[in-house]
Protein backbone atom coordinates (compact mmCIF):
# COMPACT_ATOMS: atom_id res chain seq x y z
CA UNK A 1 81.21 76.07 119.92
CA UNK A 2 84.90 76.63 120.68
CA UNK A 3 87.76 75.23 118.60
CA UNK A 4 89.28 72.34 120.51
CA UNK A 5 92.69 72.16 118.82
CA UNK A 6 95.43 74.59 117.90
CA UNK A 7 96.52 74.75 114.28
CA UNK A 8 99.94 76.14 113.38
CA UNK A 9 100.47 77.35 109.81
CA UNK A 10 104.05 76.73 108.72
CA UNK A 11 104.18 77.32 104.98
CA UNK A 12 104.37 80.87 103.58
CA UNK A 13 102.43 81.28 100.34
CA UNK A 14 102.44 85.04 99.70
CA UNK A 15 106.19 85.67 99.89
CA UNK A 16 108.98 84.00 97.92
CA UNK A 17 112.06 85.91 99.16
CA UNK A 18 113.65 83.77 101.93
CA UNK A 19 115.43 86.78 103.52
CA UNK A 20 112.13 88.70 103.72
CA UNK A 21 110.32 85.65 105.15
CA UNK A 22 113.04 85.25 107.81
CA UNK A 23 112.79 88.97 108.70
CA UNK A 24 108.97 88.80 108.97
CA UNK A 25 109.21 85.75 111.24
CA UNK A 26 111.64 87.58 113.52
CA UNK A 27 109.25 90.55 113.70
CA UNK A 28 106.35 88.16 114.45
CA UNK A 29 108.13 86.67 117.47
CA UNK A 30 109.61 90.01 118.55
CA UNK A 31 113.31 89.09 118.38
CA UNK A 32 115.17 90.90 115.60
CA UNK A 33 118.74 89.93 114.74
CA UNK A 34 121.31 92.54 113.68
CA UNK A 35 121.07 91.10 110.15
CA UNK A 36 117.29 91.66 110.05
CA UNK A 37 117.62 95.22 111.37
CA UNK A 38 120.23 95.92 108.68
CA UNK A 39 117.96 94.31 106.08
CA UNK A 40 115.00 96.56 107.02
CA UNK A 41 117.26 99.64 107.11
CA UNK A 42 118.46 98.81 103.58
CA UNK A 43 114.86 99.13 102.36
CA UNK A 44 114.69 102.85 103.18
CA UNK A 45 114.06 105.05 100.15
CA UNK A 46 113.23 108.62 99.32
CA UNK A 47 109.54 109.40 98.95
CA UNK A 48 110.17 112.53 96.89
CA UNK A 49 108.02 115.53 97.75
CA UNK A 50 105.19 113.44 99.21
CA UNK A 51 104.57 114.26 102.86
CA UNK A 52 104.80 111.40 105.32
CA UNK A 53 101.35 110.60 106.75
CA UNK A 54 100.69 111.27 110.41
CA UNK A 55 98.11 109.07 112.08
CA UNK A 56 95.32 110.50 114.26
CA UNK A 57 92.45 108.55 115.81
CA UNK A 58 89.82 111.30 115.41
CA UNK A 59 88.72 113.03 112.19
CA UNK A 60 88.57 116.40 114.01
CA UNK A 61 92.34 116.28 114.65
CA UNK A 62 92.95 115.31 111.02
CA UNK A 63 90.93 118.30 109.78
CA UNK A 64 92.69 120.71 112.18
CA UNK A 65 96.13 119.54 111.04
CA UNK A 66 95.18 119.72 107.36
CA UNK A 67 93.85 123.26 107.80
CA UNK A 68 97.09 124.32 109.51
CA UNK A 69 99.14 122.85 106.67
CA UNK A 70 96.95 124.68 104.14
CA UNK A 71 97.32 128.01 106.04
CA UNK A 72 101.12 127.70 105.77
CA UNK A 73 100.98 127.59 101.98
CA UNK A 74 101.28 130.94 100.20
CA UNK A 75 98.78 131.99 97.57
CA UNK A 76 95.09 132.27 96.86
CA UNK A 77 92.56 129.88 98.41
CA UNK A 78 89.94 128.26 96.18
CA UNK A 79 86.87 127.02 98.03
CA UNK A 80 84.69 124.21 96.67
CA UNK A 81 81.40 123.81 98.55
CA UNK A 82 78.99 121.06 97.50
CA UNK A 83 76.44 121.93 94.83
CA UNK A 84 73.02 120.61 93.84
CA UNK A 85 72.24 119.11 97.21
CA UNK A 86 69.04 117.09 97.40
CA UNK A 87 68.00 115.35 100.60
CA UNK A 88 70.24 113.97 103.33
CA UNK A 89 73.95 114.12 102.45
CA UNK A 90 75.89 112.80 105.45
CA UNK A 91 76.31 109.40 103.78
CA UNK A 92 79.06 110.52 101.38
CA UNK A 93 82.67 109.72 102.27
CA UNK A 94 84.10 112.84 100.60
CA UNK A 95 84.48 116.34 102.02
CA UNK A 96 81.34 118.39 101.36
CA UNK A 97 83.49 121.50 101.34
CA UNK A 98 87.19 121.67 100.51
CA UNK A 99 89.59 124.60 100.28
CA UNK A 100 92.73 124.23 98.18
CA UNK A 101 95.82 126.23 97.20
CA UNK A 102 98.69 125.62 94.83
CA UNK A 103 101.01 123.22 96.66
CA UNK A 104 98.26 121.41 98.59
CA UNK A 105 98.73 117.66 98.69
CA UNK A 106 95.54 115.80 97.79
CA UNK A 107 94.30 112.24 97.35
CA UNK A 108 91.75 111.02 94.81
CA UNK A 109 88.52 109.67 96.29
CA UNK A 110 87.38 107.91 93.10
CA UNK A 111 88.95 106.20 90.12
CA UNK A 112 89.59 108.51 87.17
CA UNK A 113 91.57 106.17 84.89
CA UNK A 114 93.45 102.86 85.10
CA UNK A 115 96.50 104.77 86.42
CA UNK A 116 94.76 107.43 88.55
CA UNK A 117 92.72 105.58 91.12
CA UNK A 118 91.11 106.04 94.51
CA UNK A 119 94.07 106.73 96.83
CA UNK A 120 96.39 108.28 94.20
CA UNK A 121 98.33 111.16 95.79
CA UNK A 122 99.40 114.38 94.10
CA UNK A 123 99.93 118.12 94.51
CA UNK A 124 97.87 120.99 93.17
CA UNK A 125 100.09 122.78 90.63
CA UNK A 126 97.57 125.28 89.22
CA UNK A 127 93.91 126.18 88.89
CA UNK A 128 92.40 126.03 85.40
CA UNK A 129 89.00 126.61 83.81
CA UNK A 130 86.80 123.53 83.87
CA UNK A 131 85.40 122.68 80.47
CA UNK A 132 84.07 119.24 81.39
CA UNK A 133 80.64 118.39 79.92
CA UNK A 134 78.99 118.27 83.35
CA UNK A 135 80.08 121.75 84.41
CA UNK A 136 80.81 123.71 81.26
CA UNK A 137 78.33 126.02 79.62
CA UNK A 138 80.60 126.63 76.64
CA UNK A 139 78.75 124.26 74.29
CA UNK A 140 75.24 125.42 75.17
CA UNK A 141 73.45 127.97 73.04
CA UNK A 142 72.29 131.02 74.92
CA UNK A 143 68.52 131.55 74.75
CA UNK A 144 67.13 135.00 74.00
CA UNK A 145 66.31 137.07 77.12
CA UNK A 146 68.30 134.72 79.34
CA UNK A 147 71.05 135.60 81.79
CA UNK A 148 74.58 135.67 80.40
CA UNK A 149 76.41 132.37 80.64
CA UNK A 150 78.54 131.98 83.77
CA UNK A 151 82.29 131.59 83.42
CA UNK A 152 83.60 128.07 83.83
CA UNK A 153 84.64 127.20 87.37
CA UNK A 154 88.36 127.20 88.19
CA UNK A 155 89.35 123.68 89.25
CA UNK A 156 92.63 122.22 90.51
CA UNK A 157 95.23 120.85 88.13
CA UNK A 158 97.03 118.09 90.03
CA UNK A 159 100.37 116.44 89.32
CA UNK A 160 100.27 112.94 90.77
CA UNK A 161 103.15 110.89 92.15
CA UNK A 162 103.25 108.85 88.91
CA UNK A 163 103.97 112.17 87.06
CA UNK A 164 100.53 112.28 85.41
CA UNK A 165 98.78 115.64 85.44
CA UNK A 166 94.99 115.79 85.60
CA UNK A 167 92.29 118.47 85.88
CA UNK A 168 90.01 117.55 88.79
CA UNK A 169 86.41 118.41 87.90
CA UNK A 170 83.39 118.08 90.13
CA UNK A 171 81.81 114.64 90.22
CA UNK A 172 78.14 113.83 90.89
CA UNK A 173 77.93 111.52 93.90
CA UNK A 174 74.57 109.80 94.30
CA UNK A 175 73.09 107.26 96.68
CA UNK A 176 70.40 104.86 95.58
CA UNK A 177 67.80 105.67 98.18
CA UNK A 178 64.23 106.94 98.29
CA UNK A 179 65.37 110.55 98.52
CA UNK A 180 68.28 110.01 96.06
CA UNK A 181 70.59 112.70 97.45
CA UNK A 182 73.17 114.06 95.04
CA UNK A 183 76.25 116.20 95.59
CA UNK A 184 78.51 117.72 93.00
CA UNK A 185 81.89 117.64 94.72
CA UNK A 186 85.56 117.55 93.89
CA UNK A 187 86.61 113.90 94.22
CA UNK A 188 89.72 114.72 96.30
CA UNK A 189 90.57 115.26 99.93
CA UNK A 190 93.60 116.70 101.75
CA UNK A 191 96.13 114.01 102.45
CA UNK A 192 98.65 115.33 104.92
CA UNK A 193 97.03 112.87 107.31
CA UNK A 194 95.75 109.33 107.22
CA UNK A 195 93.07 108.39 109.73
CA UNK A 196 93.97 105.38 111.87
């Protein structure tokens, strides 16, 4: 069944600034006045040391660009492959292997706190030992005749755009399914690029 009449919405509910509403209406119809162009230009601001996203339509191009950006950074690479894989794992929306260096720009893929959430952007500033309860062996007692305890993993220390600094430990991703696959991954991805 097709709609037989046209309805025109005239009242703006989400915006209160009349200058902004006028500018948005001009953009909508495709005829921008000099005043509106000046208004939009006045909104320009510095984004600090955050890289401007580049849009690519295919994940392969995103990965290639991110790898090139990583290669240009000086320093030691730290590689984080997935751990504890059980069953099929292609259903997770996080990289199953990520390589990082100091200076790499990253984005959180899960909420860590009320102020560090999925999508928060930051830069790796160091690599530190991970003493989180899920990865550390420091609090376990060593059993007789057992192998020596492994050293804690070195994980990225990230300074986020809100100036918070956080150690990024591996996180156990699971899917409620018959096979219940689980991956222990870093909950970050490179963020030089946003996929369109």
